């Protein structure tokens, strides 16, 4: 007997304009000229080493990957992230589902971040029409177009809209490729169902994004730099919307995981930076590195000379470089992100710092600039 499933069609979905947001990107963004005021001299030395490793990696055309949690976007650091990819220092950006959403909301309405406590109590948290509808629709069309999760959202922001196929042509295509490409046919059928259910007209669906200059995803799409999204089912507010489609999430997220793994394959003499991500970043990295090593070993190669810098706010007295992995009776052993990355070979450093201070100090080192006070 099947268990009862929650029916999202019973939800009262509110317009995003009714939500009180707490962060306004035009007021709260961080310019690249800002000062990194809270970095100790010892931490500055580690960041300087990181910058030198990045310079060497780019000279050798190796990957420089920056994976980060949603607070990097919420804290207004989009201009710094955009500068890092525009200047060619970072070759791959990766974040979780929440990072993707905050970046989109900033681009769409110039503000993001709601009061979770208040809105859960009122039965409104995350149940907002535009965020749920447009992001999910971008993923559903992106799955049909064989795009990645972040790529699909970035394309929507950059183009300020989505291309909606003609239903009859979409149906004919699904039938034609059902035997030769069943997964693509299924994505076409999924999109067809959404078009019909929501009475979407074929052609270009205009979705203005007046603040898209603050969007990291849009800039990455424009620059053809992979910005991959690595969501987990049920973790993000887009799952509350009735249009949400699990197959589209799965297809686009899998594509992004494989984009990410391809960048890890080029990590020998490269750099991996994990910024404020305790779960997503270490989990996708260890699987990707294992696959990359598998392929490299078949060609008598091995990824050993990679540099990893892990940055978070949690304090740790343990010296991972000198002392290796701590014993199980030491609290540092349970800092999963440090433990996981330390097991990944190469050279790993842990830095207790705010993401704003780290990224600004790193950017200033890479560009030889002095921060303006």
Protein backbone atom coordinates (compact mmCIF):
# COMPACT_ATOMS: atom_id res chain seq x y z
CA UNK A 1 0.00 0.00 0.00
CA UNK A 2 1.39 3.41 -1.01
CA UNK A 3 1.91 5.98 1.72
CA UNK A 4 -0.03 9.24 1.56
CA UNK A 5 1.89 12.04 -0.15
CA UNK A 6 1.59 15.74 0.64
CA UNK A 7 -0.29 17.57 -2.12
CA UNK A 8 1.52 20.82 -2.94
CA UNK A 9 -1.45 21.93 -5.05
CA UNK A 10 -3.24 22.65 -1.76
CA UNK A 11 -0.71 25.33 -0.81
CA UNK A 12 -1.58 29.01 -0.81
CA UNK A 13 1.41 30.35 -2.75
CA UNK A 14 2.13 34.04 -2.16
CA UNK A 15 3.66 36.55 -4.53
CA UNK A 16 7.30 37.35 -3.85
CA UNK A 17 6.48 41.06 -3.58
CA UNK A 18 4.57 40.26 -0.37
CA UNK A 19 7.70 38.91 1.32
CA UNK A 20 9.81 41.07 3.59
CA UNK A 21 13.44 40.56 2.59
CA UNK A 22 16.38 41.50 4.78
CA UNK A 23 19.28 41.94 2.34
CA UNK A 24 19.29 44.52 -0.47
CA UNK A 25 22.07 43.92 -2.96
CA UNK A 26 22.49 47.54 -4.08
CA UNK A 27 23.13 48.56 -0.46
CA UNK A 28 24.84 45.44 0.85
CA UNK A 29 27.15 44.35 -1.96
CA UNK A 30 30.90 44.20 -1.24
CA UNK A 31 33.08 46.07 -3.75
CA UNK A 32 36.43 44.58 -4.72
CA UNK A 33 38.11 47.67 -3.25
CA UNK A 34 36.81 46.94 0.26
CA UNK A 35 39.26 46.22 3.06
CA UNK A 36 39.82 42.79 4.60
CA UNK A 37 40.08 44.14 8.12
CA UNK A 38 39.97 41.05 10.34
CA UNK A 39 42.76 38.91 8.85
CA UNK A 40 45.68 38.10 11.17
CA UNK A 41 49.25 38.24 9.94
CA UNK A 42 49.50 34.45 10.11
CA UNK A 43 46.33 34.06 8.05
CA UNK A 44 47.61 36.60 5.55
CA UNK A 45 50.65 34.39 5.01
CA UNK A 46 48.44 31.39 4.20
CA UNK A 47 46.33 33.48 1.82
CA UNK A 48 49.48 34.76 0.12
CA UNK A 49 50.62 31.17 -0.38
CA UNK A 50 47.17 30.36 -1.80
CA UNK A 51 47.44 33.25 -4.25
CA UNK A 52 50.86 32.05 -5.41
CA UNK A 53 49.50 28.54 -5.89
CA UNK A 54 46.65 29.97 -7.99
CA UNK A 55 49.06 31.99 -10.13
CA UNK A 56 51.16 28.88 -10.77
CA UNK A 57 48.07 26.79 -11.49
CA UNK A 58 46.81 29.24 -14.09
CA UNK A 59 50.24 29.43 -15.71
CA UNK A 60 50.02 25.65 -16.11
CA UNK A 61 46.36 25.87 -17.25
CA UNK A 62 45.22 23.81 -14.29
CA UNK A 63 41.91 23.98 -12.46
CA UNK A 64 41.25 26.54 -9.76
CA UNK A 65 37.95 25.57 -8.15
CA UNK A 66 36.07 27.67 -5.61
CA UNK A 67 33.23 25.86 -3.81
CA UNK A 68 31.19 27.86 -1.31
CA UNK A 69 28.08 27.88 0.83
CA UNK A 70 25.11 30.19 0.34
CA UNK A 71 26.36 32.84 2.78
CA UNK A 72 29.04 33.86 0.30
CA UNK A 73 26.22 35.07 -1.96
CA UNK A 74 24.04 36.36 0.90
CA UNK A 75 26.95 38.41 2.22
CA UNK A 76 27.04 40.43 -1.00
CA UNK A 77 30.29 39.01 -2.37
CA UNK A 78 29.07 38.65 -5.94
CA UNK A 79 31.34 41.48 -7.25
CA UNK A 80 34.42 39.72 -5.84
CA UNK A 81 33.41 36.34 -7.26
CA UNK A 82 32.68 37.92 -10.64
CA UNK A 83 36.05 39.67 -10.63
CA UNK A 84 37.84 36.40 -9.85
CA UNK A 85 36.31 34.68 -12.89
CA UNK A 86 36.52 37.71 -15.19
CA UNK A 87 40.23 38.09 -14.43
CA UNK A 88 40.78 34.39 -15.11
CA UNK A 89 41.91 33.39 -11.63
CA UNK A 90 39.06 30.98 -10.87
CA UNK A 91 38.07 28.42 -13.50
CA UNK A 92 35.10 26.79 -11.74
CA UNK A 93 32.53 27.94 -9.18
CA UNK A 94 30.31 25.56 -7.20
CA UNK A 95 27.61 26.14 -4.61
CA UNK A 96 24.57 24.51 -3.05
CA UNK A 97 20.91 25.01 -3.95
CA UNK A 98 20.49 27.95 -1.57
CA UNK A 99 23.41 29.81 -3.16
CA UNK A 100 21.73 29.42 -6.54
CA UNK A 101 18.44 30.81 -5.15
CA UNK A 102 19.92 33.85 -3.40
CA UNK A 103 21.87 34.77 -6.53
CA UNK A 104 18.69 34.53 -8.61
CA UNK A 105 16.58 36.56 -6.18
CA UNK A 106 19.18 39.32 -6.12
CA UNK A 107 19.16 39.42 -9.94
CA UNK A 108 15.37 39.32 -10.18
CA UNK A 109 14.29 41.73 -7.44
CA UNK A 110 17.47 43.12 -5.89
CA UNK A 111 16.81 41.58 -2.48
CA UNK A 112 16.80 38.22 -0.72
CA UNK A 113 16.76 36.46 2.67
CA UNK A 114 13.51 36.11 4.61
CA UNK A 115 12.74 35.72 8.31
CA UNK A 116 12.69 31.94 8.66
CA UNK A 117 11.29 31.82 12.21
CA UNK A 118 8.42 34.19 11.48
CA UNK A 119 7.50 32.71 8.11
CA UNK A 120 7.55 29.08 9.23
CA UNK A 121 5.18 30.07 12.06
CA UNK A 122 2.90 31.78 9.53
CA UNK A 123 3.11 28.93 7.02
CA UNK A 124 4.82 31.10 4.43
CA UNK A 125 8.50 30.23 4.56
CA UNK A 126 9.75 29.49 1.06
CA UNK A 127 6.25 29.34 -0.43
CA UNK A 128 6.75 32.20 -2.90
CA UNK A 129 5.50 32.08 -6.45
CA UNK A 130 8.18 33.73 -8.59
CA UNK A 131 11.16 32.05 -6.91
CA UNK A 132 9.55 28.63 -7.12
CA UNK A 133 7.99 29.03 -10.55
CA UNK A 134 10.82 30.62 -12.52
CA UNK A 135 13.71 28.64 -11.02
CA UNK A 136 11.86 25.35 -11.45
CA UNK A 137 10.80 26.26 -14.99
CA UNK A 138 14.42 27.11 -15.84
CA UNK A 139 15.49 23.70 -14.54
CA UNK A 140 12.76 21.89 -16.48
CA UNK A 141 13.67 23.65 -19.74
CA UNK A 142 17.36 23.26 -18.88
CA UNK A 143 16.96 19.51 -18.45
CA UNK A 144 15.41 19.38 -21.94
CA UNK A 145 18.32 21.45 -23.31
CA UNK A 146 20.87 19.21 -21.52
CA UNK A 147 22.12 22.06 -19.33
CA UNK A 148 23.51 21.92 -15.81
CA UNK A 149 21.66 23.21 -12.74
CA UNK A 150 23.56 26.47 -12.36
CA UNK A 151 23.94 26.81 -16.13
CA UNK A 152 20.17 26.70 -16.65
CA UNK A 153 19.57 29.46 -14.08
CA UNK A 154 22.49 31.52 -15.38
CA UNK A 155 21.14 31.33 -18.93
CA UNK A 156 17.70 32.52 -17.78
CA UNK A 157 19.21 35.48 -15.92
CA UNK A 158 21.60 36.44 -18.72
CA UNK A 159 18.93 36.23 -21.44
CA UNK A 160 16.24 37.63 -19.12
CA UNK A 161 13.84 34.92 -20.11
CA UNK A 162 13.27 31.35 -21.31
CA UNK A 163 12.53 29.76 -24.65
CA UNK A 164 9.27 27.77 -24.55
CA UNK A 165 9.05 25.20 -27.37
CA UNK A 166 5.98 24.66 -29.52
CA UNK A 167 4.03 21.82 -27.83
CA UNK A 168 3.22 19.90 -31.00
CA UNK A 169 6.85 19.97 -32.15
CA UNK A 170 7.98 18.94 -28.68
CA UNK A 171 5.57 15.99 -28.71
CA UNK A 172 6.78 14.91 -32.17
CA UNK A 173 10.41 15.13 -31.05
CA UNK A 174 9.72 13.01 -27.96
CA UNK A 175 8.17 10.26 -30.11
CA UNK A 176 10.97 10.40 -32.66
CA UNK A 177 13.83 9.97 -30.19
CA UNK A 178 12.13 7.68 -27.67
CA UNK A 179 14.14 4.62 -28.74
CA UNK A 180 17.45 6.28 -29.53
CA UNK A 181 17.57 8.75 -26.62
CA UNK A 182 14.94 7.82 -24.02
CA UNK A 183 16.30 10.16 -21.33
CA UNK A 184 16.09 13.18 -23.63
CA UNK A 185 12.64 12.05 -24.74
CA UNK A 186 11.52 11.87 -21.11
CA UNK A 187 12.83 15.41 -20.50
CA UNK A 188 10.82 16.59 -23.51
CA UNK A 189 7.68 14.89 -22.20
CA UNK A 190 8.21 16.47 -18.76
CA UNK A 191 8.53 19.93 -20.31
CA UNK A 192 5.49 19.31 -22.50
CA UNK A 193 3.40 18.47 -19.45
CA UNK A 194 4.49 21.66 -17.66
CA UNK A 195 3.72 23.79 -20.72
CA UNK A 196 0.21 22.38 -21.02
CA UNK A 197 -0.57 22.42 -17.30
CA UNK A 198 0.49 26.06 -16.94
CA UNK A 199 -0.88 27.29 -20.30
CA UNK A 200 2.50 28.62 -21.39
CA UNK A 201 2.60 30.20 -24.84
CA UNK A 202 5.38 29.00 -27.16
CA UNK A 203 8.19 31.41 -27.92
CA UNK A 204 10.31 33.61 -25.68
CA UNK A 205 8.98 34.08 -22.15
CA UNK A 206 10.32 37.44 -20.97
CA UNK A 207 11.50 37.43 -17.35
CA UNK A 208 13.24 40.76 -16.59
CA UNK A 209 16.23 40.66 -14.24
CA UNK A 210 16.99 44.36 -13.62
CA UNK A 211 19.80 43.57 -11.17
CA UNK A 212 21.55 40.88 -13.24
CA UNK A 213 24.88 42.73 -13.05
CA UNK A 214 25.05 41.41 -9.47
CA UNK A 215 24.47 37.80 -10.58
CA UNK A 216 27.43 35.45 -10.44
CA UNK A 217 25.51 32.83 -12.41
CA UNK A 218 24.78 35.28 -15.22
CA UNK A 219 28.42 36.37 -15.43
CA UNK A 220 29.63 32.77 -15.39
CA UNK A 221 27.23 31.88 -18.21
CA UNK A 222 28.41 34.89 -20.22
CA UNK A 223 32.08 34.00 -19.66
CA UNK A 224 31.49 30.28 -20.30
CA UNK A 225 32.87 29.46 -16.84
CA UNK A 226 31.17 26.50 -15.13
CA UNK A 227 29.09 27.56 -12.13
CA UNK A 228 27.68 24.30 -10.86
CA UNK A 229 24.77 23.83 -8.48
CA UNK A 230 24.78 20.85 -6.10
CA UNK A 231 21.37 20.68 -4.40
CA UNK A 232 19.88 18.07 -2.09
CA UNK A 233 16.24 17.09 -2.39
CA UNK A 234 14.01 18.94 0.05
CA UNK A 235 16.74 21.32 1.23
CA UNK A 236 15.67 24.37 -0.78
CA UNK A 237 12.55 26.51 -0.95
CA UNK A 238 11.87 25.68 -4.61
CA UNK A 239 10.61 22.24 -3.49
CA UNK A 240 7.54 23.86 -1.94
CA UNK A 241 6.21 25.03 -5.31
CA UNK A 242 3.73 22.79 -7.19
CA UNK A 243 5.70 23.15 -10.45
CA UNK A 244 8.78 21.56 -8.88
CA UNK A 245 9.86 18.50 -10.88
CA UNK A 246 12.24 15.98 -9.34
CA UNK A 247 13.40 14.52 -12.64
CA UNK A 248 14.51 17.94 -13.89
CA UNK A 249 16.38 18.62 -10.65
CA UNK A 250 18.07 15.25 -10.94
CA UNK A 251 19.06 15.63 -14.58
CA UNK A 252 20.51 19.13 -14.23
CA UNK A 253 22.23 18.37 -10.92
CA UNK A 254 23.82 15.22 -12.35
CA UNK A 255 25.10 17.21 -15.33
CA UNK A 256 26.66 19.71 -12.93
CA UNK A 257 28.26 16.95 -10.87
CA UNK A 258 29.90 15.64 -14.03
CA UNK A 259 31.03 19.17 -14.98
CA UNK A 260 32.53 19.43 -11.51
CA UNK A 261 34.25 16.05 -11.79
CA UNK A 262 35.78 17.05 -15.12
CA UNK A 263 37.35 20.11 -13.45
CA UNK A 264 38.71 17.90 -10.65
CA UNK A 265 40.28 15.68 -13.32
CA UNK A 266 42.50 18.68 -14.17
CA UNK A 267 43.51 19.35 -10.55
CA UNK A 268 47.11 18.08 -10.61
CA UNK A 269 49.13 21.26 -9.72
CA UNK A 270 45.77 22.99 -9.34
CA UNK A 271 43.94 24.63 -6.40
CA UNK A 272 40.73 23.74 -4.58
CA UNK A 273 39.15 26.28 -2.23
CA UNK A 274 36.26 25.29 0.04
CA UNK A 275 34.61 28.30 1.62
CA UNK A 276 31.94 27.93 4.30
CA UNK A 277 30.61 24.60 3.07
CA UNK A 278 30.58 21.89 5.72
CA UNK A 279 28.69 19.25 3.73
CA UNK A 280 28.25 19.91 0.00
CA UNK A 281 31.84 20.76 -0.90
CA UNK A 282 33.67 17.87 0.84
CA UNK A 283 31.07 15.31 -0.24
CA UNK A 284 31.13 16.09 -3.96
CA UNK A 285 34.90 16.55 -3.92
CA UNK A 286 35.77 13.14 -2.50
CA UNK A 287 33.59 11.29 -5.04
CA UNK A 288 34.90 13.40 -7.93
CA UNK A 289 38.52 12.94 -6.90
CA UNK A 290 38.02 9.18 -6.61
CA UNK A 291 36.64 9.06 -10.16
CA UNK A 292 39.44 11.28 -11.43
CA UNK A 293 42.09 9.09 -9.79
CA UNK A 294 40.44 6.02 -11.32
CA UNK A 295 40.82 7.47 -14.82
CA UNK A 296 44.32 8.82 -14.20
CA UNK A 297 45.62 5.52 -12.81
CA UNK A 298 44.56 3.80 -16.01
CA UNK A 299 47.02 6.11 -17.81
CA UNK A 300 49.77 5.60 -15.20
CA UNK A 301 49.17 9.03 -13.68
CA UNK A 302 48.00 10.21 -10.26
CA UNK A 303 46.69 13.47 -8.79
CA UNK A 304 49.05 14.23 -5.90
CA UNK A 305 50.25 17.82 -6.23
CA UNK A 306 47.04 19.72 -5.56
CA UNK A 307 46.59 22.50 -3.00
CA UNK A 308 43.49 22.64 -0.80
CA UNK A 309 42.48 25.56 1.38
CA UNK A 310 39.43 25.12 3.64
CA UNK A 311 37.92 28.26 5.17
CA UNK A 312 35.21 28.39 7.82
CA UNK A 313 34.27 30.27 10.99
CA UNK A 314 34.74 27.32 13.37
CA UNK A 315 37.93 27.56 15.40
CA UNK A 316 40.37 24.66 15.46
CA UNK A 317 43.58 24.41 17.41
CA UNK A 318 44.62 21.31 15.52
CA UNK A 319 47.47 21.68 13.02
CA UNK A 320 46.39 19.50 10.11
CA UNK A 321 49.64 20.11 8.22
CA UNK A 322 52.02 19.09 11.01
CA UNK A 323 49.95 16.60 12.99
CA UNK A 324 47.84 14.85 10.36
CA UNK A 325 44.41 13.51 11.27
CA UNK A 326 43.48 13.92 14.97
CA UNK A 327 42.50 10.94 17.15
CA UNK A 328 38.83 10.15 17.68
CA UNK A 329 38.87 11.58 21.22
CA UNK A 330 39.83 15.01 19.89
CA UNK A 331 36.96 17.35 18.96
CA UNK A 332 38.75 18.38 15.75
CA UNK A 333 38.26 14.84 14.46
CA UNK A 334 34.57 15.68 14.06
CA UNK A 335 35.18 18.71 11.85
CA UNK A 336 34.05 16.64 8.90
CA UNK A 337 35.10 19.12 6.23
CA UNK A 338 38.68 19.25 7.51
CA UNK A 339 38.91 15.49 7.99
CA UNK A 340 37.53 14.74 4.53
CA UNK A 341 39.80 17.16 2.73
CA UNK A 342 42.84 16.05 4.70
CA UNK A 343 42.23 12.53 3.40
CA UNK A 344 42.25 13.74 -0.20
CA UNK A 345 46.04 13.96 -0.54
CA UNK A 346 47.96 16.98 -1.73
CA UNK A 347 48.57 19.88 0.67
CA UNK A 348 45.65 20.98 2.88
CA UNK A 349 45.35 24.05 5.11
CA UNK A 350 42.49 25.13 7.34
CA UNK A 351 41.83 28.80 7.93
CA UNK A 352 39.41 30.25 10.48
CA UNK A 353 38.11 33.36 8.72
CA UNK A 354 35.03 35.18 7.46
CA UNK A 355 34.33 34.53 3.78
CA UNK A 356 34.37 38.27 3.05
CA UNK A 357 37.81 38.79 4.56
CA UNK A 358 39.27 35.72 2.88
CA UNK A 359 38.02 36.54 -0.61
CA UNK A 360 39.00 40.21 -0.43
CA UNK A 361 42.49 39.41 0.84
CA UNK A 362 42.89 36.75 -1.83
CA UNK A 363 41.70 39.09 -4.58
CA UNK A 364 44.05 41.85 -3.46
CA UNK A 365 46.98 39.42 -3.44
CA UNK A 366 46.17 38.12 -6.90
CA UNK A 367 45.87 41.55 -8.43
CA UNK A 368 48.67 43.27 -6.54
CA UNK A 369 46.24 45.87 -5.30
CA UNK A 370 46.18 47.73 -2.03
CA UNK A 371 42.69 47.80 -0.48
CA UNK A 372 41.14 51.24 -0.26
CA UNK A 373 40.19 52.32 3.25
